[in-house]
C-alpha atoms as a PDB file:
ATOM      1  CA  MET A   1      -2.056  12.691   0.058  1.00  0.00           C
ATOM      2  CA  ASN A   2      -4.023  11.292  -3.347  1.00  0.00           C
ATOM      3  CA  ILE A   3      -2.312   9.082  -6.086  1.00  0.00           C
ATOM      4  CA  GLU A   4      -4.491  10.597  -8.596  1.00  0.00           C
ATOM      5  CA  GLY A   5      -0.930  12.685  -9.395  1.00  0.00           C
ATOM      6  CA  TYR A   6       0.655   9.612  -9.711  1.00  0.00           C
ATOM      7  CA  ILE A   7      -1.225   7.915 -11.752  1.00  0.00           C
ATOM      8  CA  LYS A   8      -2.201  11.082 -14.515  1.00  0.00           C
ATOM      9  CA  GLY A   9      -0.639   9.760 -17.517  1.00  0.00           C
ATOM     10  CA  LEU A  10      -1.212   5.927 -17.615  1.00  0.00           C
ATOM     11  CA  ASP A  11      -3.281   5.533 -20.851  1.00  0.00           C
ATOM     12  CA  PRO A  12      -7.222   6.319 -18.986  1.00  0.00           C
ATOM     13  CA  ASP A  13      -7.817   1.695 -18.907  1.00  0.00           C
ATOM     14  CA  LEU A  14      -4.806   1.040 -16.536  1.00  0.00           C
ATOM     15  CA  GLN A  15      -6.257   4.541 -14.615  1.00  0.00           C
ATOM     16  CA  GLU A  16      -9.707   3.096 -13.638  1.00  0.00           C
ATOM     17  CA  ARG A  17      -7.740  -0.698 -13.372  1.00  0.00           C
ATOM     18  CA  ALA A  18      -5.667   0.844 -10.161  1.00  0.00           C
ATOM     19  CA  ARG A  19      -8.060   3.515  -8.850  1.00  0.00           C
ATOM     20  CA  ALA A  20     -10.168  -0.324  -8.798  1.00  0.00           C
ATOM     21  CA  CYS A  21      -7.733  -1.932  -7.101  1.00  0.00           C
ATOM     22  CA  CYS A  22      -8.409  -2.588  -3.049  1.00  0.00           C
ATOM     23  CA  SER A  23      -5.486  -3.386  -1.532  1.00  0.00           C
ATOM     24  CA  VAL A  24      -1.958  -2.742  -1.600  1.00  0.00           C
ATOM     25  CA  GLU A  25      -1.755  -6.381  -2.456  1.00  0.00           C
ATOM     26  CA  GLU A  26      -4.281  -5.488  -5.786  1.00  0.00           C
ATOM     27  CA  LEU A  27      -2.008  -2.463  -6.609  1.00  0.00           C
ATOM     28  CA  LEU A  28       1.609  -4.460  -7.047  1.00  0.00           C
ATOM     29  CA  ALA A  29       0.104  -7.012  -8.882  1.00  0.00           C
ATOM     30  CA  LEU A  30      -0.774  -4.041 -11.650  1.00  0.00           C
ATOM     31  CA  ALA A  31       1.979  -1.615 -11.080  1.00  0.00           C
ATOM     32  CA  LYS A  32       4.414  -4.823 -11.391  1.00  0.00           C
ATOM     33  CA  GLU A  33       2.038  -5.679 -14.214  1.00  0.00           C
ATOM     34  CA  ALA A  34       2.068  -2.835 -16.064  1.00  0.00           C
ATOM     35  CA  LYS A  35       5.945  -2.541 -15.295  1.00  0.00           C
ATOM     36  CA  VAL A  36       4.855   0.798 -13.861  1.00  0.00           C
ATOM     37  CA  PRO A  37       7.207   1.890 -10.800  1.00  0.00           C
ATOM     38  CA  LEU A  38       5.003   3.021  -7.995  1.00  0.00           C
ATOM     39  CA  PRO A  39       7.168   5.427  -4.523  1.00  0.00           C
ATOM     40  CA  ASP A  40       6.889   3.771  -1.323  1.00  0.00           C
ATOM     41  CA  GLU A  41       4.762   7.167  -0.391  1.00  0.00           C
ATOM     42  CA  ALA A  42       1.670   6.426  -3.064  1.00  0.00           C
ATOM     43  CA  LEU A  43       2.029   3.185  -1.597  1.00  0.00           C
ATOM     44  CA  ALA A  44       1.301   4.383   2.155  1.00  0.00           C
ATOM     45  CA  ALA A  45      -1.507   6.131   0.660  1.00  0.00           C
ATOM     46  CA  ILE A  46      -3.154   2.991  -0.791  1.00  0.00           C
ATOM     47  CA  ALA A  47      -2.852   1.020   2.308  1.00  0.00           C
ATOM     48  CA  GLY A  48      -4.338   3.800   4.699  1.00  0.00           C
ATOM     49  CA  GLY A  49      -1.509   5.519   5.999  1.00  0.00           C
ATOM     50  CA  ASP A  50      -1.678   9.299   5.216  1.00  0.00           C
ATOM     51  CA  ASP A  51      -4.498   9.486   3.013  1.00  0.00           C
ATOM     52  CA  GLN A  52      -7.765  10.087   4.593  1.00  0.00           C
ATOM     53  CA  ASP A  53      -9.816   8.215   1.562  1.00  0.00           C
ATOM     54  CA  ALA A  54      -8.036   5.009   1.514  1.00  0.00           C
ATOM     55  CA  GLY A  55      -9.923   3.676   4.248  1.00  0.00           C
ATOM     56  CA  SER A  56     -11.677   1.144   2.431  1.00  0.00           C
ATOM     57  CA  CYS A  57      -8.617  -0.638   0.940  1.00  0.00           C
ATOM     58  CA  ARG A  58      -5.402  -2.486   2.922  1.00  0.00           C
ATOM     59  CA  HIS A  59      -5.413  -1.943   6.987  1.00  0.00           C
ATOM     60  CA  GLU A  60      -3.545  -3.550   9.856  1.00  0.00           C
ATOM     61  CA  ASP A  61      -4.135  -2.564  13.885  1.00  0.00           C
ATOM     62  CA  CYS A  62      -0.776  -3.083  15.622  1.00  0.00           C
ATOM     63  CA  PRO A  63      -0.163  -6.695  17.129  1.00  0.00           C
ATOM     64  CA  LYS A  64       1.348  -5.157  20.113  1.00  0.00           C
ATOM     65  CA  CYS A  65      -1.158  -2.313  21.814  1.00  0.00           C
ATOM     66  CA  GLY A  66      -4.297  -3.095  18.397  1.00  0.00           C
ATOM     67  CA  SER A  67      -5.178   0.242  17.592  1.00  0.00           C
ATOM     68  CA  LYS A  68      -5.954   1.435  14.409  1.00  0.00           C
ATOM     69  CA  ASP A  69      -3.467   3.854  13.534  1.00  0.00           C
ATOM     70  CA  THR A  70      -1.013   2.704  12.027  1.00  0.00           C
ATOM     71  CA  THR A  71       1.167   3.218   8.855  1.00  0.00           C
ATOM     72  CA  CYS A  72       2.359   1.014   5.983  1.00  0.00           C
ATOM     73  CA  TYR A  73       5.872   3.208   6.232  1.00  0.00           C
ATOM     74  CA  LYS A  74       7.487   1.056   4.029  1.00  0.00           C
ATOM     75  CA  VAL A  75       7.683  -1.397   0.559  1.00  0.00           C
ATOM     76  CA  ASP A  76      10.057  -4.393  -0.661  1.00  0.00           C
ATOM     77  CA  TYR A  77      10.070  -7.699  -2.837  1.00  0.00           C
ATOM     78  CA  GLU A  78      11.729 -10.656  -2.121  1.00  0.00           C
ATOM     79  CA  PRO A  79      11.253 -13.943  -4.303  1.00  0.00           C
ATOM     80  CA  GLY A  80       8.087 -14.352  -4.228  1.00  0.00           C
ATOM     81  CA  TYR A  81       7.229 -12.368  -1.242  1.00  0.00           C
ATOM     82  CA  VAL A  82       6.215  -8.701  -0.553  1.00  0.00           C
ATOM     83  CA  VAL A  83       7.349  -7.096   2.521  1.00  0.00           C
ATOM     84  CA  PHE A  84       5.001  -5.067   4.100  1.00  0.00           C
ATOM     85  CA  TYR A  85       6.240  -2.297   7.348  1.00  0.00           C
ATOM     86  CA  TRP A  86       4.418  -1.083   9.448  1.00  0.00           C
ATOM     87  CA  ARG A  87       4.610   1.139  12.635  1.00  0.00           C
ATOM     88  CA  CYS A  88       2.144   2.438  14.493  1.00  0.00           C
ATOM     89  CA  ASN A  89       1.726   5.582  14.794  1.00  0.00           C
ATOM     90  CA  SER A  90       0.058   6.069  18.867  1.00  0.00           C
ATOM     91  CA  CYS A  91       2.675   2.993  20.673  1.00  0.00           C
ATOM     92  CA  GLY A  92       5.704   3.387  18.285  1.00  0.00           C
ATOM     93  CA  ASN A  93       5.721  -0.375  17.677  1.00  0.00           C
ATOM     94  CA  GLU A  94       7.012  -1.714  14.449  1.00  0.00           C
ATOM     95  CA  TRP A  95       6.433  -5.281  12.657  1.00  0.00           C
ATOM     96  CA  VAL A  96       7.235  -6.276   9.279  1.00  0.00           C
ATOM     97  CA  GLU A  97       4.798  -8.982   7.267  1.00  0.00           C
ATOM     98  CA  LYS A  98       5.388 -11.199   4.216  1.00  0.00           C
ATOM     99  CA  SER A  99       2.936 -11.969   1.150  1.00  0.00           C
ATOM    100  CA  PHE A 100       3.153 -14.550  -0.804  1.00  0.00           C
ATOM    101  CA  ASP A 101       3.243 -12.487  -4.594  1.00  0.00           C
ATOM    102  CA  GLY A 102       1.994 -15.595  -6.512  1.00  0.00           C
END
């Protein structure tokens, strides 16, 4: 999946800022600041899920088996936190990670 389809309607400055993000946290902060919604599949691609070009962005190894074949399949917000839902494509393990949003 290519996130270019999601940012093509944004003003050029915001597009460049989005392309410069190299972590989910940075992109979420930019989207929140600009009040731009991002669908879950775009966030998964940015986090290194199904998008092969996302390798330079954030990635989590499976805490159970150590596999690098993982997908961030959902992102939620809680007061003060961003919550990432991860799945290991090798062993099926699922886990949740909270990051401070501030």
